[in-house]
Amino acid sequence: KTEGKCEKTHLYGSIQADRFGGKYVFFCHLGLVHWVTPVYREDQL
């Protein structure tokens, strides 16, 4: 219903997890909590 807003939020979380050492906890636009760890391939996020 939001044309992929959740996907954008999950990607942002992955980027922040990379930035902050491998983990990131966040609230989505619905106020729900998620946490994420980045995935790498050939040393690239």
All heavy atoms as atom14 arrays in JSON, in Angstrom:
{
  "sequence": "KTEGKCEKTHLYGSIQADRFGGKYVFFCHLGLVHWVTPVYREDQL",
  "atom14_mask": [
    [1, 1, 1, 1, 1, 1, 1, 1, 1, 0, 0, 0, 0, 0],
    [1, 1, 1, 1, 1, 1, 1, 0, 0, 0, 0, 0, 0, 0],
    [1, 1, 1, 1, 1, 1, 1, 1, 1, 0, 0, 0, 0, 0],
    [1, 1, 1, 1, 0, 0, 0, 0, 0, 0, 0, 0, 0, 0],
    [1, 1, 1, 1, 1, 1, 1, 1, 1, 0, 0, 0, 0, 0],
    [1, 1, 1, 1, 1, 1, 0, 0, 0, 0, 0, 0, 0, 0],
    [1, 1, 1, 1, 1, 1, 1, 1, 1, 0, 0, 0, 0, 0],
    [1, 1, 1, 1, 1, 1, 1, 1, 1, 0, 0, 0, 0, 0],
    [1, 1, 1, 1, 1, 1, 1, 0, 0, 0, 0, 0, 0, 0],
    [1, 1, 1, 1, 1, 1, 1, 1, 1, 1, 0, 0, 0, 0],
    [1, 1, 1, 1, 1, 1, 1, 1, 0, 0, 0, 0, 0, 0],
    [1, 1, 1, 1, 1, 1, 1, 1, 1, 1, 1, 1, 0, 0],
    [1, 1, 1, 1, 0, 0, 0, 0, 0, 0, 0, 0, 0, 0],
    [1, 1, 1, 1, 1, 1, 0, 0, 0, 0, 0, 0, 0, 0],
    [1, 1, 1, 1, 1, 1, 1, 1, 0, 0, 0, 0, 0, 0],
    [1, 1, 1, 1, 1, 1, 1, 1, 1, 0, 0, 0, 0, 0],
    [1, 1, 1, 1, 1, 0, 0, 0, 0, 0, 0, 0, 0, 0],
    [1, 1, 1, 1, 1, 1, 1, 1, 0, 0, 0, 0, 0, 0],
    [1, 1, 1, 1, 1, 1, 1, 1, 1, 1, 1, 0, 0, 0],
    [1, 1, 1, 1, 1, 1, 1, 1, 1, 1, 1, 0, 0, 0],
    [1, 1, 1, 1, 0, 0, 0, 0, 0, 0, 0, 0, 0, 0],
    [1, 1, 1, 1, 0, 0, 0, 0, 0, 0, 0, 0, 0, 0],
    [1, 1, 1, 1, 1, 1, 1, 1, 1, 0, 0, 0, 0, 0],
    [1, 1, 1, 1, 1, 1, 1, 1, 1, 1, 1, 1, 0, 0],
    [1, 1, 1, 1, 1, 1, 1, 0, 0, 0, 0, 0, 0, 0],
    [1, 1, 1, 1, 1, 1, 1, 1, 1, 1, 1, 0, 0, 0],
    [1, 1, 1, 1, 1, 1, 1, 1, 1, 1, 1, 0, 0, 0],
    [1, 1, 1, 1, 1, 1, 0, 0, 0, 0, 0, 0, 0, 0],
    [1, 1, 1, 1, 1, 1, 1, 1, 1, 1, 0, 0, 0, 0],
    [1, 1, 1, 1, 1, 1, 1, 1, 0, 0, 0, 0, 0, 0],
    [1, 1, 1, 1, 0, 0, 0, 0, 0, 0, 0, 0, 0, 0],
    [1, 1, 1, 1, 1, 1, 1, 1, 0, 0, 0, 0, 0, 0],
    [1, 1, 1, 1, 1, 1, 1, 0, 0, 0, 0, 0, 0, 0],
    [1, 1, 1, 1, 1, 1, 1, 1, 1, 1, 0, 0, 0, 0],
    [1, 1, 1, 1, 1, 1, 1, 1, 1, 1, 1, 1, 1, 1],
    [1, 1, 1, 1, 1, 1, 1, 0, 0, 0, 0, 0, 0, 0],
    [1, 1, 1, 1, 1, 1, 1, 0, 0, 0, 0, 0, 0, 0],
    [1, 1, 1, 1, 1, 1, 1, 0, 0, 0, 0, 0, 0, 0],
    [1, 1, 1, 1, 1, 1, 1, 0, 0, 0, 0, 0, 0, 0],
    [1, 1, 1, 1, 1, 1, 1, 1, 1, 1, 1, 1, 0, 0],
    [1, 1, 1, 1, 1, 1, 1, 1, 1, 1, 1, 0, 0, 0],
    [1, 1, 1, 1, 1, 1, 1, 1, 1, 0, 0, 0, 0, 0],
    [1, 1, 1, 1, 1, 1, 1, 1, 0, 0, 0, 0, 0, 0],
    [1, 1, 1, 1, 1, 1, 1, 1, 1, 0, 0, 0, 0, 0],
    [1, 1, 1, 1, 1, 1, 1, 1, 0, 0, 0, 0, 0, 0]
  ],
  "atom14_positions": [
    [[0.8, -1.23, 0.0], [0.0, 0.0, 0.0], [0.84, 1.28, 0.0], [0.32, 2.34, -0.32], [-0.96, 0.0, 1.19], [-2.05, -1.04, 1.03], [-3.09, -0.94, 2.1], [-4.19, -1.94, 1.8], [-5.4, -1.67, 2.5], [0.0, 0.0, 0.0], [0.0, 0.0, 0.0], [0.0, 0.0, 0.0], [0.0, 0.0, 0.0], [0.0, 0.0, 0.0]],
    [[2.12, 1.17, 0.36], [2.97, 2.37, 0.4], [4.01, 2.35, -0.73], [5.0, 3.07, -0.66], [3.69, 2.48, 1.75], [4.52, 1.32, 1.94], [2.72, 2.65, 2.89], [0.0, 0.0, 0.0], [0.0, 0.0, 0.0], [0.0, 0.0, 0.0], [0.0, 0.0, 0.0], [0.0, 0.0, 0.0], [0.0, 0.0, 0.0], [0.0, 0.0, 0.0]],
    [[3.77, 1.54, -1.73], [4.64, 1.46, -2.9], [6.1, 1.21, -2.53], [7.01, 1.87, -3.02], [4.5, 2.72, -3.75], [3.09, 2.9, -4.27], [2.88, 4.22, -5.0], [3.8, 5.05, -5.07], [1.75, 4.39, -5.49], [0.0, 0.0, 0.0], [0.0, 0.0, 0.0], [0.0, 0.0, 0.0], [0.0, 0.0, 0.0], [0.0, 0.0, 0.0]],
    [[6.32, 0.25, -1.65], [7.67, -0.18, -1.32], [8.38, 0.57, -0.21], [9.58, 0.44, -0.05], [0.0, 0.0, 0.0], [0.0, 0.0, 0.0], [0.0, 0.0, 0.0], [0.0, 0.0, 0.0], [0.0, 0.0, 0.0], [0.0, 0.0, 0.0], [0.0, 0.0, 0.0], [0.0, 0.0, 0.0], [0.0, 0.0, 0.0], [0.0, 0.0, 0.0]],
    [[7.64, 1.33, 0.59], [8.27, 2.09, 1.67], [8.99, 1.15, 2.65], [10.07, 1.48, 3.15], [7.23, 2.93, 2.4], [7.82, 3.9, 3.38], [6.78, 4.86, 3.92], [7.4, 5.92, 4.77], [6.41, 6.9, 5.24], [0.0, 0.0, 0.0], [0.0, 0.0, 0.0], [0.0, 0.0, 0.0], [0.0, 0.0, 0.0], [0.0, 0.0, 0.0]],
    [[8.41, 0.0, 2.9], [9.04, -0.96, 3.82], [10.36, -1.46, 3.25], [11.35, -1.58, 3.97], [8.12, -2.13, 4.11], [6.59, -1.64, 4.94], [0.0, 0.0, 0.0], [0.0, 0.0, 0.0], [0.0, 0.0, 0.0], [0.0, 0.0, 0.0], [0.0, 0.0, 0.0], [0.0, 0.0, 0.0], [0.0, 0.0, 0.0], [0.0, 0.0, 0.0]],
    [[10.39, -1.75, 1.96], [11.63, -2.2, 1.33], [12.72, -1.14, 1.46], [13.87, -1.46, 1.75], [11.4, -2.52, -0.15], [10.58, -3.77, -0.35], [10.26, -4.04, -1.81], [10.45, -3.14, -2.66], [9.83, -5.17, -2.1], [0.0, 0.0, 0.0], [0.0, 0.0, 0.0], [0.0, 0.0, 0.0], [0.0, 0.0, 0.0], [0.0, 0.0, 0.0]],
    [[12.36, 0.11, 1.27], [13.33, 1.2, 1.4], [13.84, 1.29, 2.84], [15.02, 1.53, 3.07], [12.7, 2.52, 0.97], [12.43, 2.57, -0.52], [11.71, 3.85, -0.91], [11.34, 3.78, -2.38], [9.99, 4.14, -2.66], [0.0, 0.0, 0.0], [0.0, 0.0, 0.0], [0.0, 0.0, 0.0], [0.0, 0.0, 0.0], [0.0, 0.0, 0.0]],
    [[12.96, 1.07, 3.79], [13.34, 1.1, 5.2], [14.28, -0.05, 5.53], [15.27, 0.13, 6.25], [12.09, 1.05, 6.1], [11.25, 2.15, 5.77], [12.45, 1.11, 7.57], [0.0, 0.0, 0.0], [0.0, 0.0, 0.0], [0.0, 0.0, 0.0], [0.0, 0.0, 0.0], [0.0, 0.0, 0.0], [0.0, 0.0, 0.0], [0.0, 0.0, 0.0]],
    [[14.01, -1.23, 4.99], [14.89, -2.39, 5.24], [16.27, -2.16, 4.61], [17.29, -2.51, 5.21], [14.26, -3.66, 4.69], [13.0, -4.03, 5.38], [11.98, -4.7, 4.75], [12.56, -3.82, 6.65], [10.98, -4.89, 5.59], [11.32, -4.35, 6.75], [0.0, 0.0, 0.0], [0.0, 0.0, 0.0], [0.0, 0.0, 0.0], [0.0, 0.0, 0.0]],
    [[16.29, -1.58, 3.44], [17.58, -1.27, 2.8], [18.34, -0.23, 3.63], [19.53, -0.39, 3.88], [17.36, -0.76, 1.38], [18.62, -0.31, 0.65], [19.63, -1.45, 0.56], [18.28, 0.23, -0.73], [0.0, 0.0, 0.0], [0.0, 0.0, 0.0], [0.0, 0.0, 0.0], [0.0, 0.0, 0.0], [0.0, 0.0, 0.0], [0.0, 0.0, 0.0]],
    [[17.65, 0.81, 4.08], [18.28, 1.83, 4.91], [18.87, 1.18, 6.18], [19.99, 1.49, 6.58], [17.29, 2.93, 5.28], [17.85, 3.97, 6.2], [18.65, 4.99, 5.7], [17.6, 3.94, 7.56], [19.19, 5.95, 6.54], [18.13, 4.89, 8.42], [18.92, 5.9, 7.9], [19.47, 6.84, 8.75], [0.0, 0.0, 0.0], [0.0, 0.0, 0.0]],
    [[18.11, 0.28, 6.79], [18.59, -0.42, 7.98], [19.85, -1.23, 7.69], [20.79, -1.26, 8.49], [0.0, 0.0, 0.0], [0.0, 0.0, 0.0], [0.0, 0.0, 0.0], [0.0, 0.0, 0.0], [0.0, 0.0, 0.0], [0.0, 0.0, 0.0], [0.0, 0.0, 0.0], [0.0, 0.0, 0.0], [0.0, 0.0, 0.0], [0.0, 0.0, 0.0]],
    [[19.89, -1.88, 6.52], [21.07, -2.66, 6.14], [22.29, -1.75, 5.98], [23.4, -2.1, 6.41], [20.81, -3.4, 4.83], [19.75, -4.31, 4.98], [0.0, 0.0, 0.0], [0.0, 0.0, 0.0], [0.0, 0.0, 0.0], [0.0, 0.0, 0.0], [0.0, 0.0, 0.0], [0.0, 0.0, 0.0], [0.0, 0.0, 0.0], [0.0, 0.0, 0.0]],
    [[22.09, -0.6, 5.37], [23.18, 0.36, 5.18], [23.67, 0.87, 6.53], [24.87, 0.98, 6.78], [22.72, 1.52, 4.27], [22.48, 1.0, 2.85], [23.74, 2.66, 4.28], [21.74, 1.97, 1.96], [0.0, 0.0, 0.0], [0.0, 0.0, 0.0], [0.0, 0.0, 0.0], [0.0, 0.0, 0.0], [0.0, 0.0, 0.0], [0.0, 0.0, 0.0]],
    [[22.75, 1.16, 7.43], [23.13, 1.63, 8.77], [23.84, 0.53, 9.56], [24.77, 0.8, 10.31], [21.91, 2.15, 9.53], [21.29, 3.38, 8.9], [22.29, 4.49, 8.67], [23.0, 4.93, 9.58], [22.37, 4.94, 7.43], [0.0, 0.0, 0.0], [0.0, 0.0, 0.0], [0.0, 0.0, 0.0], [0.0, 0.0, 0.0], [0.0, 0.0, 0.0]],
    [[23.4, -0.72, 9.4], [24.08, -1.82, 10.08], [25.52, -1.94, 9.6], [26.42, -2.19, 10.4], [23.32, -3.13, 9.84], [0.0, 0.0, 0.0], [0.0, 0.0, 0.0], [0.0, 0.0, 0.0], [0.0, 0.0, 0.0], [0.0, 0.0, 0.0], [0.0, 0.0, 0.0], [0.0, 0.0, 0.0], [0.0, 0.0, 0.0], [0.0, 0.0, 0.0]],
    [[25.73, -1.74, 8.32], [27.09, -1.74, 7.78], [27.88, -0.6, 8.41], [29.01, -0.78, 8.86], [27.03, -1.6, 6.26], [28.4, -1.44, 5.63], [29.28, -2.28, 5.91], [28.58, -0.48, 4.86], [0.0, 0.0, 0.0], [0.0, 0.0, 0.0], [0.0, 0.0, 0.0], [0.0, 0.0, 0.0], [0.0, 0.0, 0.0], [0.0, 0.0, 0.0]],
    [[27.28, 0.54, 8.47], [27.93, 1.74, 9.0], [28.28, 1.61, 10.48], [29.32, 2.1, 10.94], [26.99, 2.92, 8.79], [27.51, 4.23, 9.28], [26.53, 5.34, 8.96], [26.95, 6.55, 9.64], [26.13, 7.5, 10.01], [24.84, 7.43, 9.73], [26.57, 8.56, 10.63], [0.0, 0.0, 0.0], [0.0, 0.0, 0.0], [0.0, 0.0, 0.0]],
    [[27.4, 0.96, 11.26], [27.58, 0.89, 12.71], [28.13, -0.45, 13.19], [27.86, -0.87, 14.31], [26.27, 1.21, 13.41], [25.87, 2.65, 13.27], [24.72, 2.99, 12.57], [26.63, 3.66, 13.83], [24.35, 4.32, 12.43], [26.27, 4.99, 13.7], [25.13, 5.32, 12.99], [0.0, 0.0, 0.0], [0.0, 0.0, 0.0], [0.0, 0.0, 0.0]],
    [[28.87, -1.15, 12.35], [29.61, -2.31, 12.82], [28.87, -3.63, 12.81], [29.25, -4.55, 13.52], [0.0, 0.0, 0.0], [0.0, 0.0, 0.0], [0.0, 0.0, 0.0], [0.0, 0.0, 0.0], [0.0, 0.0, 0.0], [0.0, 0.0, 0.0], [0.0, 0.0, 0.0], [0.0, 0.0, 0.0], [0.0, 0.0, 0.0], [0.0, 0.0, 0.0]],
    [[27.82, -3.75, 12.03], [27.21, -5.06, 11.86], [25.85, -5.26, 12.48], [25.28, -6.35, 12.38], [0.0, 0.0, 0.0], [0.0, 0.0, 0.0], [0.0, 0.0, 0.0], [0.0, 0.0, 0.0], [0.0, 0.0, 0.0], [0.0, 0.0, 0.0], [0.0, 0.0, 0.0], [0.0, 0.0, 0.0], [0.0, 0.0, 0.0], [0.0, 0.0, 0.0]],
    [[25.3, -4.23, 13.09], [23.95, -4.37, 13.66], [23.27, -3.02, 13.71], [23.94, -1.99, 13.85], [24.01, -4.99, 15.04], [24.89, -4.24, 16.0], [25.21, -5.08, 17.21], [26.29, -4.49, 18.07], [27.59, -4.4, 17.48], [0.0, 0.0, 0.0], [0.0, 0.0, 0.0], [0.0, 0.0, 0.0], [0.0, 0.0, 0.0], [0.0, 0.0, 0.0]],
    [[21.95, -3.05, 13.6], [21.19, -1.82, 13.66], [19.76, -2.17, 14.07], [19.17, -3.11, 13.52], [21.2, -1.12, 12.3], [20.57, 0.24, 12.28], [21.15, 1.31, 12.94], [19.38, 0.46, 11.59], [20.56, 2.58, 12.92], [18.8, 1.72, 11.56], [19.39, 2.77, 12.23], [18.81, 4.01, 12.2], [0.0, 0.0, 0.0], [0.0, 0.0, 0.0]],
    [[19.23, -1.45, 15.03], [17.85, -1.62, 15.5], [17.09, -0.37, 15.11], [17.6, 0.74, 15.29], [17.81, -1.83, 17.03], [16.37, -2.0, 17.51], [18.66, -3.03, 17.44], [0.0, 0.0, 0.0], [0.0, 0.0, 0.0], [0.0, 0.0, 0.0], [0.0, 0.0, 0.0], [0.0, 0.0, 0.0], [0.0, 0.0, 0.0], [0.0, 0.0, 0.0]],
    [[15.88, -0.54, 14.58], [15.13, 0.62, 14.12], [13.62, 0.41, 14.22], [13.15, -0.72, 14.28], [15.5, 0.98, 12.68], [15.2, -0.1, 11.66], [14.0, -0.09, 10.95], [16.1, -1.11, 11.41], [13.71, -1.08, 10.02], [15.83, -2.09, 10.48], [14.63, -2.07, 9.78], [0.0, 0.0, 0.0], [0.0, 0.0, 0.0], [0.0, 0.0, 0.0]],
    [[12.9, 1.53, 14.26], [11.45, 1.54, 14.16], [11.1, 1.81, 12.7], [11.65, 2.72, 12.09], [10.83, 2.67, 15.0], [10.87, 2.43, 16.47], [11.88, 2.98, 17.24], [9.89, 1.67, 17.08], [11.92, 2.78, 18.6], [9.92, 1.47, 18.45], [10.93, 2.02, 19.22], [0.0, 0.0, 0.0], [0.0, 0.0, 0.0], [0.0, 0.0, 0.0]],
    [[10.16, 1.06, 12.16], [9.66, 1.35, 10.82], [8.58, 2.42, 10.91], [8.24, 2.88, 12.0], [9.12, 0.08, 10.16], [7.56, -0.51, 10.87], [0.0, 0.0, 0.0], [0.0, 0.0, 0.0], [0.0, 0.0, 0.0], [0.0, 0.0, 0.0], [0.0, 0.0, 0.0], [0.0, 0.0, 0.0], [0.0, 0.0, 0.0], [0.0, 0.0, 0.0]],
    [[8.04, 2.81, 9.78], [7.03, 3.87, 9.76], [5.73, 3.46, 10.43], [4.9, 4.31, 10.73], [6.78, 4.35, 8.32], [6.19, 3.33, 7.43], [6.95, 2.32, 6.85], [4.94, 3.14, 7.02], [6.16, 1.57, 6.12], [4.94, 2.03, 6.2], [0.0, 0.0, 0.0], [0.0, 0.0, 0.0], [0.0, 0.0, 0.0], [0.0, 0.0, 0.0]],
    [[5.55, 2.17, 10.71], [4.38, 1.7, 11.46], [4.63, 1.64, 12.96], [3.76, 1.28, 13.73], [3.95, 0.31, 10.98], [3.5, 0.21, 9.53], [3.19, -1.24, 9.17], [2.29, 1.09, 9.28], [0.0, 0.0, 0.0], [0.0, 0.0, 0.0], [0.0, 0.0, 0.0], [0.0, 0.0, 0.0], [0.0, 0.0, 0.0], [0.0, 0.0, 0.0]],
    [[5.86, 1.98, 13.38], [6.21, 1.95, 14.8], [6.61, 0.58, 15.29], [6.69, 0.37, 16.5], [0.0, 0.0, 0.0], [0.0, 0.0, 0.0], [0.0, 0.0, 0.0], [0.0, 0.0, 0.0], [0.0, 0.0, 0.0], [0.0, 0.0, 0.0], [0.0, 0.0, 0.0], [0.0, 0.0, 0.0], [0.0, 0.0, 0.0], [0.0, 0.0, 0.0]],
    [[6.89, -0.34, 14.39], [7.31, -1.68, 14.77], [8.83, -1.75, 14.77], [9.5, -1.08, 13.99], [6.74, -2.71, 13.78], [5.21, -2.73, 13.69], [4.76, -3.61, 12.55], [4.59, -3.17, 15.0], [0.0, 0.0, 0.0], [0.0, 0.0, 0.0], [0.0, 0.0, 0.0], [0.0, 0.0, 0.0], [0.0, 0.0, 0.0], [0.0, 0.0, 0.0]],
    [[9.37, -2.59, 15.65], [10.82, -2.69, 15.81], [11.36, -3.83, 14.93], [10.78, -4.9, 14.84], [11.18, -2.96, 17.28], [12.67, -3.19, 17.45], [10.7, -1.81, 18.16], [0.0, 0.0, 0.0], [0.0, 0.0, 0.0], [0.0, 0.0, 0.0], [0.0, 0.0, 0.0], [0.0, 0.0, 0.0], [0.0, 0.0, 0.0], [0.0, 0.0, 0.0]],
    [[12.49, -3.54, 14.28], [13.24, -4.51, 13.5], [14.71, -4.39, 13.89], [15.13, -3.36, 14.41], [13.16, -4.2, 12.0], [11.8, -4.22, 11.41], [10.87, -3.23, 11.64], [11.2, -5.1, 10.6], [9.76, -3.52, 10.98], [9.95, -4.65, 10.33], [0.0, 0.0, 0.0], [0.0, 0.0, 0.0], [0.0, 0.0, 0.0], [0.0, 0.0, 0.0]],
    [[15.47, -5.41, 13.6], [16.92, -5.3, 13.68], [17.48, -5.99, 12.45], [16.83, -6.84, 11.85], [17.5, -5.85, 14.98], [17.04, -7.21, 15.39], [17.66, -8.39, 15.16], [15.85, -7.52, 16.14], [16.94, -9.42, 15.71], [15.83, -8.91, 16.31], [14.82, -6.75, 16.66], [14.8, -9.56, 17.0], [13.8, -7.4, 17.34], [13.81, -8.78, 17.5]],
    [[18.67, -5.58, 12.09], [19.25, -6.05, 10.84], [20.74, -6.24, 10.98], [21.39, -5.55, 11.76], [18.9, -5.07, 9.68], [19.45, -3.7, 9.94], [19.35, -5.58, 8.33], [0.0, 0.0, 0.0], [0.0, 0.0, 0.0], [0.0, 0.0, 0.0], [0.0, 0.0, 0.0], [0.0, 0.0, 0.0], [0.0, 0.0, 0.0], [0.0, 0.0, 0.0]],
    [[21.25, -7.2, 10.25], [22.68, -7.37, 10.1], [22.99, -7.34, 8.61], [22.22, -7.85, 7.81], [23.17, -8.68, 10.77], [24.6, -8.68, 10.81], [22.68, -9.91, 10.05], [0.0, 0.0, 0.0], [0.0, 0.0, 0.0], [0.0, 0.0, 0.0], [0.0, 0.0, 0.0], [0.0, 0.0, 0.0], [0.0, 0.0, 0.0], [0.0, 0.0, 0.0]],
    [[24.08, -6.69, 8.22], [24.38, -6.58, 6.81], [24.88, -7.89, 6.22], [25.41, -8.75, 6.93], [25.48, -5.51, 6.76], [26.14, -5.59, 8.09], [25.07, -6.01, 9.06], [0.0, 0.0, 0.0], [0.0, 0.0, 0.0], [0.0, 0.0, 0.0], [0.0, 0.0, 0.0], [0.0, 0.0, 0.0], [0.0, 0.0, 0.0], [0.0, 0.0, 0.0]],
    [[24.69, -8.03, 4.92], [25.18, -9.19, 4.17], [26.16, -8.66, 3.13], [25.88, -7.66, 2.46], [24.01, -9.92, 3.49], [24.52, -10.96, 2.51], [23.1, -10.55, 4.53], [0.0, 0.0, 0.0], [0.0, 0.0, 0.0], [0.0, 0.0, 0.0], [0.0, 0.0, 0.0], [0.0, 0.0, 0.0], [0.0, 0.0, 0.0], [0.0, 0.0, 0.0]],
    [[27.29, -9.34, 3.02], [28.32, -8.92, 2.08], [28.56, -9.99, 1.02], [28.38, -11.17, 1.27], [29.64, -8.66, 2.83], [29.52, -7.6, 3.87], [29.25, -7.92, 5.2], [29.65, -6.26, 3.53], [29.12, -6.94, 6.16], [29.52, -5.26, 4.49], [29.26, -5.62, 5.8], [29.13, -4.64, 6.75], [0.0, 0.0, 0.0], [0.0, 0.0, 0.0]],
    [[28.97, -9.53, -0.13], [29.41, -10.42, -1.21], [30.64, -9.76, -1.81], [30.57, -8.6, -2.24], [28.33, -10.58, -2.25], [28.75, -11.51, -3.35], [27.68, -12.5, -3.57], [28.23, -13.67, -4.21], [27.56, -14.75, -4.36], [26.34, -14.82, -3.89], [28.09, -15.77, -4.95], [0.0, 0.0, 0.0], [0.0, 0.0, 0.0], [0.0, 0.0, 0.0]],
    [[31.76, -10.49, -1.8], [33.02, -9.97, -2.3], [33.36, -8.62, -1.67], [33.69, -7.65, -2.35], [32.99, -9.89, -3.83], [32.83, -11.25, -4.46], [32.69, -11.2, -5.97], [32.91, -10.12, -6.57], [32.36, -12.24, -6.54], [0.0, 0.0, 0.0], [0.0, 0.0, 0.0], [0.0, 0.0, 0.0], [0.0, 0.0, 0.0], [0.0, 0.0, 0.0]],
    [[33.2, -8.55, -0.34], [33.53, -7.36, 0.46], [32.66, -6.14, 0.15], [33.01, -5.02, 0.53], [35.01, -6.99, 0.33], [35.91, -8.05, 0.91], [35.51, -8.71, 1.89], [37.02, -8.24, 0.38], [0.0, 0.0, 0.0], [0.0, 0.0, 0.0], [0.0, 0.0, 0.0], [0.0, 0.0, 0.0], [0.0, 0.0, 0.0], [0.0, 0.0, 0.0]],
    [[31.54, -6.32, -0.52], [30.62, -5.23, -0.82], [29.29, -5.49, -0.12], [28.81, -6.64, -0.11], [30.37, -5.12, -2.33], [31.59, -4.73, -3.13], [32.02, -3.31, -2.86], [31.2, -2.41, -2.75], [33.32, -3.09, -2.72], [0.0, 0.0, 0.0], [0.0, 0.0, 0.0], [0.0, 0.0, 0.0], [0.0, 0.0, 0.0], [0.0, 0.0, 0.0]],
    [[28.68, -4.45, 0.43], [27.36, -4.58, 1.03], [26.39, -5.09, -0.03], [26.32, -4.54, -1.13], [26.88, -3.24, 1.58], [25.51, -3.25, 2.25], [25.5, -4.15, 3.48], [25.1, -1.84, 2.63], [0.0, 0.0, 0.0], [0.0, 0.0, 0.0], [0.0, 0.0, 0.0], [0.0, 0.0, 0.0], [0.0, 0.0, 0.0], [0.0, 0.0, 0.0]]
  ]
}
